[in-house]
N, C-alpha and C. Protein backbone atom coordinates (compact mmCIF):
# COMPACT_ATOMS: atom_id res chain seq x y z
N MET A 1 160.89 143.53 37.01
CA MET A 1 159.66 142.90 36.56
C MET A 1 158.74 143.95 35.98
N LYS A 2 158.04 143.55 34.95
CA LYS A 2 157.15 144.47 34.26
C LYS A 2 155.77 143.84 34.16
N PHE A 3 154.76 144.71 34.14
CA PHE A 3 153.39 144.27 34.01
C PHE A 3 152.82 144.78 32.69
N VAL A 4 151.85 144.06 32.16
CA VAL A 4 151.19 144.44 30.92
C VAL A 4 149.72 144.66 31.23
N LEU A 5 149.24 145.85 30.94
CA LEU A 5 147.83 146.18 31.13
C LEU A 5 147.14 146.08 29.79
N VAL A 6 146.22 145.16 29.68
CA VAL A 6 145.48 144.96 28.43
C VAL A 6 144.16 145.70 28.55
N THR A 7 143.92 146.61 27.61
CA THR A 7 142.74 147.47 27.64
C THR A 7 142.05 147.46 26.29
N GLN A 8 140.90 148.14 26.27
CA GLN A 8 140.23 148.41 25.00
C GLN A 8 139.68 149.83 25.06
N GLU A 9 139.39 150.37 23.91
CA GLU A 9 139.03 151.77 23.81
C GLU A 9 137.78 152.13 24.60
N VAL A 10 136.77 151.30 24.55
CA VAL A 10 135.50 151.62 25.21
C VAL A 10 135.38 150.87 26.55
N CYS A 11 136.25 151.25 27.48
CA CYS A 11 136.31 150.54 28.76
C CYS A 11 136.54 151.55 29.88
N PRO A 12 135.49 151.96 30.60
CA PRO A 12 135.67 152.93 31.68
C PRO A 12 136.57 152.41 32.80
N ARG A 13 136.54 151.11 33.07
CA ARG A 13 137.42 150.56 34.12
C ARG A 13 138.89 150.66 33.71
N CYS A 14 139.14 150.60 32.40
CA CYS A 14 140.53 150.69 31.92
C CYS A 14 141.12 152.05 32.27
N ASP A 15 140.36 153.11 32.11
CA ASP A 15 140.84 154.44 32.46
C ASP A 15 141.14 154.53 33.95
N ARG A 16 140.27 153.93 34.77
CA ARG A 16 140.48 153.97 36.22
C ARG A 16 141.74 153.21 36.63
N VAL A 17 141.97 152.05 36.01
CA VAL A 17 143.13 151.26 36.41
C VAL A 17 144.43 151.92 35.94
N LYS A 18 144.42 152.60 34.81
CA LYS A 18 145.63 153.31 34.36
C LYS A 18 146.00 154.39 35.38
N LYS A 19 145.00 155.11 35.87
CA LYS A 19 145.24 156.13 36.89
C LYS A 19 145.76 155.48 38.18
N LEU A 20 145.15 154.37 38.56
CA LEU A 20 145.56 153.66 39.77
C LEU A 20 146.99 153.16 39.68
N LEU A 21 147.36 152.57 38.55
CA LEU A 21 148.74 152.08 38.38
C LEU A 21 149.74 153.23 38.42
N SER A 22 149.38 154.35 37.81
CA SER A 22 150.27 155.52 37.86
C SER A 22 150.46 156.02 39.29
N GLU A 23 149.39 156.03 40.07
CA GLU A 23 149.48 156.43 41.48
C GLU A 23 150.37 155.47 42.26
N LEU A 24 150.20 154.17 42.02
CA LEU A 24 150.98 153.17 42.75
C LEU A 24 152.46 153.24 42.41
N GLN A 25 152.79 153.68 41.21
CA GLN A 25 154.21 153.79 40.84
C GLN A 25 154.94 154.80 41.71
N ARG A 26 154.22 155.73 42.32
CA ARG A 26 154.86 156.69 43.22
C ARG A 26 155.24 156.03 44.54
N GLU A 27 154.59 154.91 44.85
CA GLU A 27 154.83 154.20 46.11
C GLU A 27 155.69 152.95 45.93
N VAL A 28 155.58 152.30 44.81
CA VAL A 28 156.27 151.04 44.55
C VAL A 28 156.95 151.13 43.19
N PRO A 29 158.25 150.85 43.12
CA PRO A 29 158.92 150.93 41.82
C PRO A 29 158.61 149.71 40.94
N PHE A 30 157.80 149.90 39.94
CA PHE A 30 157.49 148.84 38.98
C PHE A 30 157.18 149.50 37.64
N GLU A 31 157.27 148.70 36.60
CA GLU A 31 156.98 149.19 35.26
C GLU A 31 155.73 148.51 34.73
N TRP A 32 155.01 149.23 33.88
CA TRP A 32 153.87 148.64 33.20
C TRP A 32 153.72 149.30 31.84
N GLU A 33 153.14 148.55 30.94
CA GLU A 33 152.85 149.10 29.63
C GLU A 33 151.43 148.72 29.25
N GLU A 34 150.82 149.56 28.43
CA GLU A 34 149.45 149.32 27.99
C GLU A 34 149.47 148.68 26.61
N VAL A 35 148.63 147.66 26.43
CA VAL A 35 148.51 146.97 25.16
C VAL A 35 147.02 146.86 24.84
N ASP A 36 146.66 147.11 23.61
CA ASP A 36 145.28 146.98 23.19
C ASP A 36 144.88 145.51 23.15
N MET A 37 143.66 145.22 23.58
CA MET A 37 143.16 143.86 23.64
C MET A 37 143.30 143.13 22.30
N TYR A 38 143.10 143.84 21.21
CA TYR A 38 143.14 143.19 19.90
C TYR A 38 144.54 142.74 19.50
N GLU A 39 145.55 143.31 20.14
CA GLU A 39 146.92 142.87 19.91
C GLU A 39 147.19 141.53 20.60
N MET A 40 146.34 141.19 21.58
CA MET A 40 146.53 139.95 22.34
C MET A 40 145.32 139.03 22.20
N LEU A 41 144.60 139.14 21.11
CA LEU A 41 143.37 138.39 20.94
C LEU A 41 143.60 136.88 21.00
N ASP A 42 144.69 136.40 20.43
CA ASP A 42 144.99 134.96 20.49
C ASP A 42 145.20 134.52 21.94
N THR A 43 145.91 135.32 22.71
CA THR A 43 146.14 135.00 24.12
C THR A 43 144.83 135.02 24.89
N PHE A 44 144.00 136.04 24.64
CA PHE A 44 142.71 136.13 25.32
C PHE A 44 141.86 134.90 25.01
N THR A 45 141.84 134.50 23.76
CA THR A 45 141.06 133.32 23.36
C THR A 45 141.59 132.08 24.05
N TYR A 46 142.90 131.91 24.03
CA TYR A 46 143.53 130.74 24.66
C TYR A 46 143.21 130.66 26.15
N LEU A 47 143.26 131.81 26.83
CA LEU A 47 143.03 131.84 28.28
C LEU A 47 141.55 131.95 28.65
N GLY A 48 140.68 132.14 27.66
CA GLY A 48 139.25 132.26 27.93
C GLY A 48 138.87 133.58 28.57
N ILE A 49 139.62 134.63 28.30
CA ILE A 49 139.35 135.95 28.87
C ILE A 49 138.40 136.68 27.93
N ALA A 50 137.34 137.26 28.51
CA ALA A 50 136.35 137.95 27.69
C ALA A 50 136.06 139.36 28.18
N THR A 51 136.95 139.91 28.99
CA THR A 51 136.71 141.24 29.56
C THR A 51 138.03 141.99 29.70
N THR A 52 137.94 143.28 29.85
CA THR A 52 139.09 144.12 30.17
C THR A 52 138.69 144.99 31.35
N PRO A 53 139.63 145.53 32.05
CA PRO A 53 141.07 145.41 31.88
C PRO A 53 141.60 144.09 32.44
N VAL A 54 142.79 143.76 31.97
CA VAL A 54 143.50 142.58 32.46
C VAL A 54 144.93 143.03 32.75
N LEU A 55 145.42 142.71 33.91
CA LEU A 55 146.81 143.00 34.25
C LEU A 55 147.55 141.67 34.30
N LEU A 56 148.62 141.60 33.51
CA LEU A 56 149.44 140.40 33.42
C LEU A 56 150.86 140.69 33.87
N VAL A 57 151.51 139.69 34.41
CA VAL A 57 152.95 139.76 34.62
C VAL A 57 153.56 139.49 33.26
N GLU A 58 154.43 140.38 32.82
CA GLU A 58 154.99 140.26 31.47
C GLU A 58 155.77 138.95 31.30
N ASP A 59 155.58 138.34 30.17
CA ASP A 59 156.33 137.16 29.76
C ASP A 59 157.02 137.54 28.46
N GLU A 60 158.34 137.63 28.47
CA GLU A 60 159.07 138.09 27.29
C GLU A 60 158.82 137.22 26.07
N ASP A 61 158.52 135.94 26.29
CA ASP A 61 158.23 135.03 25.18
C ASP A 61 156.77 135.10 24.75
N GLU A 62 155.98 135.89 25.46
CA GLU A 62 154.55 136.03 25.21
C GLU A 62 153.84 134.68 25.24
N ASP A 63 154.30 133.82 26.12
CA ASP A 63 153.71 132.51 26.31
C ASP A 63 152.90 132.55 27.60
N TYR A 64 151.82 133.34 27.57
CA TYR A 64 151.04 133.60 28.79
C TYR A 64 150.20 132.40 29.19
N THR A 65 150.12 132.21 30.51
CA THR A 65 149.26 131.19 31.10
C THR A 65 148.41 131.88 32.16
N GLU A 66 147.53 131.12 32.79
CA GLU A 66 146.70 131.67 33.86
C GLU A 66 147.53 132.22 35.01
N GLU A 67 148.73 131.68 35.20
CA GLU A 67 149.60 132.14 36.29
C GLU A 67 150.08 133.57 36.08
N HIS A 68 150.03 134.07 34.86
CA HIS A 68 150.47 135.43 34.57
C HIS A 68 149.40 136.48 34.89
N ILE A 69 148.17 136.05 35.11
CA ILE A 69 147.06 136.98 35.34
C ILE A 69 147.12 137.51 36.77
N VAL A 70 147.23 138.82 36.90
CA VAL A 70 147.21 139.48 38.20
C VAL A 70 145.75 139.74 38.58
N PHE A 71 144.98 140.33 37.66
CA PHE A 71 143.53 140.48 37.82
C PHE A 71 142.92 140.70 36.45
N MET A 72 141.60 140.48 36.38
CA MET A 72 140.87 140.77 35.15
C MET A 72 139.47 141.25 35.50
N GLY A 73 139.00 142.19 34.71
CA GLY A 73 137.64 142.70 34.90
C GLY A 73 137.53 143.67 36.05
N GLU A 74 137.02 143.19 37.16
CA GLU A 74 136.82 144.04 38.33
C GLU A 74 138.16 144.45 38.94
N LEU A 75 138.26 145.72 39.29
CA LEU A 75 139.50 146.24 39.84
C LEU A 75 139.59 145.98 41.34
N PRO A 76 140.75 145.54 41.78
CA PRO A 76 140.94 145.45 43.24
C PRO A 76 141.09 146.86 43.81
N ARG A 77 140.86 146.99 45.09
CA ARG A 77 141.09 148.28 45.75
C ARG A 77 142.58 148.60 45.69
N LYS A 78 142.90 149.88 45.84
CA LYS A 78 144.29 150.32 45.71
C LYS A 78 145.22 149.57 46.66
N TRP A 79 144.84 149.45 47.92
CA TRP A 79 145.70 148.78 48.91
C TRP A 79 145.93 147.33 48.52
N ARG A 80 144.89 146.68 47.98
CA ARG A 80 145.03 145.27 47.60
C ARG A 80 145.90 145.13 46.36
N LEU A 81 145.72 146.01 45.38
CA LEU A 81 146.55 145.97 44.18
C LEU A 81 148.01 146.21 44.54
N LYS A 82 148.25 147.11 45.48
CA LYS A 82 149.62 147.37 45.94
C LYS A 82 150.22 146.10 46.54
N GLU A 83 149.46 145.41 47.36
CA GLU A 83 149.93 144.14 47.96
C GLU A 83 150.25 143.11 46.87
N ILE A 84 149.38 143.01 45.88
CA ILE A 84 149.56 142.03 44.80
C ILE A 84 150.82 142.34 44.01
N ILE A 85 151.00 143.61 43.65
CA ILE A 85 152.18 144.00 42.88
C ILE A 85 153.44 143.75 43.70
N GLU A 86 153.42 144.13 44.97
CA GLU A 86 154.59 143.90 45.83
C GLU A 86 154.92 142.42 45.93
N SER A 87 153.90 141.58 46.00
CA SER A 87 154.16 140.14 46.10
C SER A 87 154.83 139.62 44.84
N HIS A 88 154.47 140.16 43.69
CA HIS A 88 155.11 139.76 42.43
C HIS A 88 156.53 140.30 42.33
N LEU A 89 156.79 141.39 43.03
CA LEU A 89 158.12 141.99 43.01
C LEU A 89 159.03 141.41 44.08
N GLY A 90 158.55 140.42 44.79
CA GLY A 90 159.38 139.78 45.81
C GLY A 90 159.31 140.45 47.16
N GLY A 91 158.18 141.08 47.46
CA GLY A 91 158.00 141.63 48.80
C GLY A 91 158.52 143.03 48.99
N TYR A 92 158.80 143.76 47.88
CA TYR A 92 159.24 145.14 48.05
C TYR A 92 158.23 145.87 48.91
N GLY A 93 158.71 146.68 49.80
CA GLY A 93 157.84 147.52 50.61
C GLY A 93 157.47 146.91 51.95
N GLU A 94 157.84 145.66 52.17
CA GLU A 94 157.54 145.06 53.47
C GLU A 94 158.41 145.73 54.53
N PRO A 95 157.89 145.88 55.72
CA PRO A 95 158.68 146.52 56.77
C PRO A 95 159.97 145.74 57.02
N GLN A 96 161.03 146.46 57.16
CA GLN A 96 162.33 145.83 57.44
C GLN A 96 162.46 145.70 58.95
N LYS A 97 162.98 144.57 59.40
CA LYS A 97 163.23 144.36 60.84
C LYS A 97 164.48 145.15 61.23
N LYS A 98 164.37 145.81 62.34
CA LYS A 98 165.51 146.58 62.84
C LYS A 98 166.47 145.68 63.59
N ALA A 99 167.74 145.94 63.41
CA ALA A 99 168.75 145.18 64.15
C ALA A 99 168.71 145.63 65.62
N VAL A 100 168.87 144.67 66.49
CA VAL A 100 168.82 144.98 67.93
C VAL A 100 170.21 145.01 68.48
């Protein structure tokens, strides 16, 4: 599974989330790519998004809906973003039960 980070040039939160995603990749195996907001302007208009950053679950057909939005605007704390990403990855990182 891959995530798409939608940013714009004049966005201080965008720089923070890029750093945060890079840090989380050391703990959780996932991929993400950065896309400029203007490349997704039609999608932003359709979804009513007016802020960045936006983290989406990638849709290969680029048929994004509200269900693809992981977060937008305000950044979640690192621990919460890790939980969200893990949930999209199917629970990677959850403690494994030991056999008795």
